[in-house]
N, C-alpha and C. Protein backbone atom coordinates (compact mmCIF):
# COMPACT_ATOMS: atom_id res chain seq x y z
N TRP A 1 98.93 120.52 96.65
CA TRP A 1 99.19 120.96 95.42
C TRP A 1 97.84 121.00 94.55
N VAL A 2 97.08 122.03 93.82
CA VAL A 2 96.03 122.14 93.27
C VAL A 2 96.26 121.82 91.99
N ASN A 3 96.16 120.81 91.05
CA ASN A 3 96.47 120.68 89.80
C ASN A 3 94.99 120.98 88.97
N ARG A 4 95.37 121.98 88.05
CA ARG A 4 94.04 122.59 87.64
C ARG A 4 93.18 121.40 86.28
N ARG A 5 94.36 121.06 85.94
CA ARG A 5 93.93 119.88 84.63
C ARG A 5 93.19 118.47 84.89
N VAL A 6 93.12 118.51 86.48
CA VAL A 6 92.23 117.10 86.95
C VAL A 6 91.17 117.26 86.32
N ASP A 7 90.37 116.24 86.15
CA ASP A 7 88.81 115.93 85.90
C ASP A 7 88.02 116.03 87.19
N ARG A 8 87.86 117.30 87.96
CA ARG A 8 87.22 117.14 89.01
C ARG A 8 85.82 116.31 89.25
N GLN A 9 85.06 116.93 88.34
CA GLN A 9 83.85 116.49 88.42
C GLN A 9 83.51 114.77 88.02
N ALA A 10 84.30 114.14 87.04
CA ALA A 10 84.58 112.79 87.20
C ALA A 10 84.88 112.03 88.19
N LEU A 11 85.73 112.91 89.04
CA LEU A 11 86.54 112.33 90.19
C LEU A 11 85.33 112.09 91.22
N ALA A 12 84.81 113.37 91.43
CA ALA A 12 83.83 113.47 92.50
C ALA A 12 82.54 112.75 92.08
N LYS A 13 82.14 112.39 90.98
CA LYS A 13 81.04 111.59 90.99
C LYS A 13 81.44 110.01 91.11
N ARG A 14 82.40 109.82 90.77
CA ARG A 14 82.84 108.27 91.51
C ARG A 14 83.61 108.04 92.67
N PHE A 15 84.18 108.92 93.12
CA PHE A 15 84.78 108.71 94.37
C PHE A 15 84.05 109.34 95.74
N PHE A 16 83.21 110.35 95.59
CA PHE A 16 82.57 111.26 96.71
C PHE A 16 81.21 110.31 96.96
N THR A 17 80.59 110.93 97.99
CA THR A 17 79.40 110.52 98.48
C THR A 17 78.35 111.48 97.65
N GLN A 18 77.10 111.08 97.54
CA GLN A 18 76.35 112.04 96.32
C GLN A 18 76.16 113.15 96.89
N ARG A 19 76.06 113.75 98.14
CA ARG A 19 76.00 115.27 98.49
C ARG A 19 77.24 115.91 98.19
N GLU A 20 78.48 115.34 98.51
CA GLU A 20 79.93 115.86 98.07
C GLU A 20 79.92 115.98 96.39
N SER A 21 79.52 115.08 95.66
CA SER A 21 79.60 115.48 94.50
C SER A 21 78.74 116.53 93.78
N GLU A 22 77.69 116.35 94.68
CA GLU A 22 76.59 117.63 94.31
C GLU A 22 77.15 118.96 94.46
N LEU A 23 77.72 118.94 95.32
CA LEU A 23 78.47 120.42 95.75
C LEU A 23 79.72 120.85 94.79
N VAL A 24 80.56 119.48 94.61
CA VAL A 24 81.54 120.21 93.08
C VAL A 24 80.75 120.69 91.93
N LEU A 25 79.89 119.43 91.44
CA LEU A 25 79.31 119.84 90.07
C LEU A 25 78.49 121.20 90.01
N ALA A 26 77.92 121.61 91.29
CA ALA A 26 77.54 122.70 91.00
C ALA A 26 78.00 124.17 90.85
N ASP A 27 79.47 124.11 91.44
CA ASP A 27 80.59 125.03 91.55
C ASP A 27 81.49 124.37 91.10
N PRO A 28 81.73 124.06 89.50
CA PRO A 28 82.99 123.30 89.34
C PRO A 28 84.52 124.32 89.29
N GLY A 29 84.57 125.02 89.26
CA GLY A 29 85.66 126.29 89.23
C GLY A 29 86.26 126.51 90.93
N SER A 30 85.44 126.39 91.95
CA SER A 30 85.59 126.49 92.93
C SER A 30 86.49 125.64 93.62
N GLY A 31 87.54 125.57 94.63
CA GLY A 31 88.10 124.68 95.20
C GLY A 31 87.69 123.63 95.90
N ARG A 32 86.41 123.49 95.72
CA ARG A 32 85.62 122.64 97.09
C ARG A 32 85.89 121.12 96.63
N PHE A 33 86.54 120.92 95.56
CA PHE A 33 86.61 119.24 95.18
C PHE A 33 87.98 118.97 95.83
N PHE A 34 89.08 119.73 95.73
CA PHE A 34 90.42 119.59 96.88
C PHE A 34 90.25 119.75 98.09
N GLN A 35 89.34 120.65 98.74
CA GLN A 35 88.82 120.64 100.04
C GLN A 35 88.43 119.40 100.74
N ILE A 36 87.29 118.74 100.01
CA ILE A 36 86.58 117.65 99.99
C ILE A 36 87.73 116.40 100.09
N TRP A 37 88.80 116.53 98.84
CA TRP A 37 89.73 115.32 98.66
C TRP A 37 90.86 115.45 99.78
N THR A 38 91.15 116.48 100.47
CA THR A 38 92.45 116.44 101.25
C THR A 38 91.73 116.08 102.52
N ARG A 39 90.24 116.59 102.78
CA ARG A 39 89.51 116.06 104.01
C ARG A 39 89.82 114.65 103.88
N LYS A 40 89.24 113.70 103.17
CA LYS A 40 89.04 112.60 102.90
C LYS A 40 90.20 111.64 102.93
N GLU A 41 91.53 112.15 102.69
CA GLU A 41 93.07 111.50 102.99
C GLU A 41 93.13 111.95 104.00
N ALA A 42 93.06 112.61 105.00
CA ALA A 42 93.15 113.05 106.24
C ALA A 42 92.70 111.95 107.36
N VAL A 43 91.40 111.89 107.03
CA VAL A 43 90.65 110.79 107.38
C VAL A 43 91.03 109.59 107.38
N LEU A 44 91.77 109.18 106.15
CA LEU A 44 92.17 107.70 105.83
C LEU A 44 93.57 107.81 106.44
N LYS A 45 94.29 108.65 106.64
CA LYS A 45 95.69 108.49 107.01
C LYS A 45 95.74 108.71 108.83
N THR A 46 94.57 109.26 108.93
CA THR A 46 94.57 109.52 110.63
C THR A 46 94.70 108.11 111.25
N ASN A 47 93.34 106.97 110.56
CA ASN A 47 93.03 106.01 110.98
C ASN A 47 94.32 104.99 110.67
N GLY A 48 95.06 105.37 109.45
CA GLY A 48 96.01 104.41 109.06
C GLY A 48 95.61 102.83 108.00
N VAL A 49 94.53 103.44 107.33
CA VAL A 49 93.72 102.11 106.87
C VAL A 49 93.76 102.44 105.34
N GLY A 50 94.43 103.35 105.09
CA GLY A 50 94.86 103.86 103.44
C GLY A 50 93.57 103.96 102.33
N LEU A 51 93.22 103.49 101.34
CA LEU A 51 92.28 103.28 100.29
C LEU A 51 91.37 101.77 100.59
N ARG A 52 91.83 101.22 101.89
CA ARG A 52 90.83 100.23 101.93
C ARG A 52 89.46 100.76 102.34
N VAL A 53 89.15 101.57 102.86
CA VAL A 53 87.91 102.34 102.84
C VAL A 53 87.67 102.93 101.80
N PRO A 54 86.66 102.63 101.39
CA PRO A 54 86.05 103.72 100.32
C PRO A 54 85.57 104.68 100.60
N LEU A 55 86.08 105.87 99.45
CA LEU A 55 85.93 107.26 99.86
C LEU A 55 84.54 107.75 99.72
N ASP A 56 83.75 106.84 99.08
CA ASP A 56 82.30 107.36 99.35
C ASP A 56 81.52 106.67 100.41
N SER A 57 82.31 106.18 101.49
CA SER A 57 81.47 105.25 102.37
C SER A 57 81.71 106.18 103.80
N PHE A 58 82.21 107.59 103.58
CA PHE A 58 82.07 108.52 104.92
C PHE A 58 82.03 110.02 104.43
N GLU A 59 81.33 110.72 104.99
CA GLU A 59 81.21 112.24 104.50
C GLU A 59 82.14 112.99 105.39
N VAL A 60 82.57 114.00 104.42
CA VAL A 60 83.63 114.81 105.19
C VAL A 60 83.44 116.71 105.14
N LEU A 61 82.03 117.02 105.10
CA LEU A 61 81.57 118.10 104.70
C LEU A 61 81.40 118.84 106.20
N THR A 62 81.32 118.36 107.09
CA THR A 62 81.41 118.77 108.76
C THR A 62 82.78 118.59 109.23
N ASP A 63 82.72 119.58 110.39
CA ASP A 63 84.42 119.19 111.05
C ASP A 63 84.52 118.06 111.76
N ASP A 64 83.02 117.34 111.92
CA ASP A 64 83.10 115.99 112.82
C ASP A 64 82.88 114.90 111.89
N VAL A 65 83.70 113.88 112.07
CA VAL A 65 83.31 112.63 111.09
C VAL A 65 82.87 111.64 111.87
N SER A 66 81.64 111.11 111.43
CA SER A 66 80.97 109.98 111.96
C SER A 66 81.89 108.80 112.26
N PRO A 67 81.94 108.41 113.61
CA PRO A 67 82.56 107.12 114.07
C PRO A 67 82.34 105.81 113.39
N GLU A 68 80.93 105.41 113.18
CA GLU A 68 80.60 104.46 112.21
C GLU A 68 81.38 104.13 110.97
N ALA A 69 81.77 105.29 110.27
CA ALA A 69 82.26 104.83 109.03
C ALA A 69 83.37 104.77 108.80
N ILE A 70 84.35 105.19 109.98
CA ILE A 70 85.91 105.26 109.76
C ILE A 70 86.50 104.53 111.12
N GLY A 71 85.61 104.31 112.20
CA GLY A 71 86.50 103.30 113.32
C GLY A 71 86.33 104.53 114.73
N ARG A 72 86.82 105.67 114.37
CA ARG A 72 86.90 106.48 115.45
C ARG A 72 86.44 107.92 115.16
N PRO A 73 85.96 108.60 116.23
CA PRO A 73 85.43 110.42 115.96
C PRO A 73 86.42 111.17 115.69
N LEU A 74 86.36 111.67 114.76
CA LEU A 74 87.70 112.30 114.33
C LEU A 74 87.12 114.16 114.33
N ARG A 75 88.15 114.99 114.40
CA ARG A 75 87.90 116.27 114.23
C ARG A 75 88.72 116.84 112.92
N LEU A 76 88.11 117.37 111.90
CA LEU A 76 88.66 117.60 110.82
C LEU A 76 88.98 119.29 110.75
N ARG A 77 89.79 119.78 109.99
CA ARG A 77 90.22 121.45 109.82
C ARG A 77 90.72 121.23 108.69
N THR A 78 90.51 122.17 107.71
CA THR A 78 91.05 122.60 106.10
C THR A 78 91.47 124.18 106.48
N GLU A 79 92.41 124.26 105.63
CA GLU A 79 92.95 125.57 105.25
C GLU A 79 93.30 125.72 103.79
N VAL A 80 92.78 126.32 103.26
CA VAL A 80 93.48 127.00 102.03
C VAL A 80 94.58 128.07 101.85
N ARG A 81 95.77 127.47 101.80
CA ARG A 81 96.86 128.16 101.96
C ARG A 81 97.16 129.32 101.10
N THR A 82 96.85 128.71 99.72
CA THR A 82 97.18 129.97 98.51
C THR A 82 95.67 129.16 97.23
N ASP A 83 95.93 129.84 96.19
CA ASP A 83 95.53 129.39 95.11
C ASP A 83 95.92 128.09 94.83
N GLU A 84 97.20 127.69 95.08
CA GLU A 84 97.42 126.42 94.80
C GLU A 84 97.58 125.56 95.82
N TYR A 85 97.41 125.32 97.09
CA TYR A 85 97.89 124.83 98.11
C TYR A 85 96.56 124.60 98.85
N THR A 86 95.80 123.32 99.23
CA THR A 86 94.85 123.00 100.38
C THR A 86 95.25 122.32 101.40
N VAL A 87 95.33 122.31 102.26
CA VAL A 87 95.75 121.71 103.48
C VAL A 87 94.64 120.85 104.40
N SER A 88 94.38 119.53 104.63
CA SER A 88 93.74 119.36 105.65
C SER A 88 94.35 118.53 106.62
N TRP A 89 93.71 118.31 107.90
CA TRP A 89 94.17 117.15 108.97
C TRP A 89 92.90 117.06 110.01
N ALA A 90 93.24 115.43 110.08
CA ALA A 90 92.12 115.02 111.28
C ALA A 90 92.89 114.46 112.23
N VAL A 91 92.35 114.82 113.62
CA VAL A 91 92.73 114.50 114.89
C VAL A 91 91.43 113.69 115.46
N PRO A 92 91.95 112.48 116.19
CA PRO A 92 91.02 112.09 117.29
C PRO A 92 90.06 113.33 118.06
N THR A 93 88.81 113.36 118.23
CA THR A 93 88.34 114.33 119.07
C THR A 93 88.92 114.64 120.35
N GLU A 94 89.42 113.82 120.99
CA GLU A 94 89.96 114.15 122.23
C GLU A 94 91.00 114.92 122.33
N CYS A 95 91.71 114.76 121.20
CA CYS A 95 93.13 115.69 121.00
C CYS A 95 92.39 116.90 120.33
N ALA A 96 91.53 117.21 119.82
CA ALA A 96 91.00 118.45 118.97
C ALA A 96 90.98 119.34 119.68
N ASP A 97 91.18 120.22 120.63
CA ASP A 97 91.59 121.41 121.21
C ASP A 97 92.78 122.10 121.23
N GLN A 98 93.71 120.99 120.48
CA GLN A 98 95.25 121.29 120.54
C GLN A 98 95.09 122.01 119.17
N SER A 99 96.29 123.12 119.66
CA SER A 99 96.47 124.14 118.60
C SER A 99 97.34 123.68 117.23
N VAL A 100 97.52 124.24 116.33
CA VAL A 100 98.51 123.89 114.86
C VAL A 100 99.04 125.35 114.60
N SER A 101 99.99 125.32 114.50
CA SER A 101 100.99 126.24 113.95
C SER A 101 101.58 126.26 112.42
N TRP A 102 101.57 127.27 111.97
CA TRP A 102 102.38 127.49 110.30
C TRP A 102 103.57 128.28 110.72
N VAL A 103 104.44 127.68 110.10
CA VAL A 103 106.04 127.99 109.87
C VAL A 103 106.19 128.47 108.35
N THR A 104 106.75 129.55 107.83
CA THR A 104 107.04 129.42 106.59
C THR A 104 108.23 130.17 106.68
N SER A 105 108.71 129.88 105.50
CA SER A 105 110.35 130.48 105.95
C SER A 105 111.25 129.69 104.46
N ASP A 106 112.41 130.45 104.33
CA ASP A 106 113.16 130.16 103.07
C ASP A 106 114.07 128.72 103.74
N GLN A 107 114.42 128.17 102.63
CA GLN A 107 115.10 126.66 103.15
C GLN A 107 116.23 127.08 104.24
N ASP A 108 116.97 128.27 104.18
CA ASP A 108 117.94 128.37 105.19
C ASP A 108 117.98 128.54 106.43
N ASP A 109 116.61 129.23 106.98
CA ASP A 109 116.53 129.32 108.25
C ASP A 109 115.12 128.55 108.75
N TRP A 110 114.52 127.57 108.16
CA TRP A 110 113.61 126.81 108.76
C TRP A 110 113.96 126.31 109.69
N LEU A 111 114.81 125.65 110.38
CA LEU A 111 115.26 125.19 111.35
C LEU A 111 115.19 125.89 112.58
N GLN A 112 116.03 127.37 112.42
CA GLN A 112 115.67 128.18 113.84
C GLN A 112 114.57 128.72 113.78
N GLN A 113 113.43 128.87 113.02
CA GLN A 113 112.15 129.43 113.11
C GLN A 113 111.40 128.20 113.77
N VAL A 114 111.57 127.29 113.56
CA VAL A 114 110.71 125.91 113.88
C VAL A 114 111.19 125.70 115.70
N GLU A 115 112.73 126.00 115.96
CA GLU A 115 113.01 125.88 117.21
C GLU A 115 112.15 127.26 118.04
N ASP A 116 112.17 128.34 117.52
CA ASP A 116 111.60 129.55 117.82
C ASP A 116 110.35 129.30 118.39
N ALA A 117 109.62 128.93 117.50
CA ALA A 117 108.33 128.61 117.44
C ALA A 117 107.78 127.77 118.58
N LEU A 118 108.85 127.00 119.12
CA LEU A 118 108.77 125.88 120.49
C LEU A 118 108.93 126.27 121.25
């Protein structure tokens, strides 16, 4: 969820690499901050390291993340679902060719739609 009241510039300066921070500062109204933030979250969660790895120790500007920074090569994807939601996911490169499907529905029929998609 995109919270517009977050001081994106200050967070970018503190937690992002210099190049990532410069991109956010160059266009502060864009969704670039949330794209970078969600990509960093995806990398950390995929590797199960949480915030023990400093966010500025690796860069997520490309779809491939350096193994030196986080332990194994990953492939990243980001999708801006609406003006308020950005989602990113990371997978080991050996699984990168797997497909991702989105299922949207109201609360009453979500299970049936998931079963139908499988």
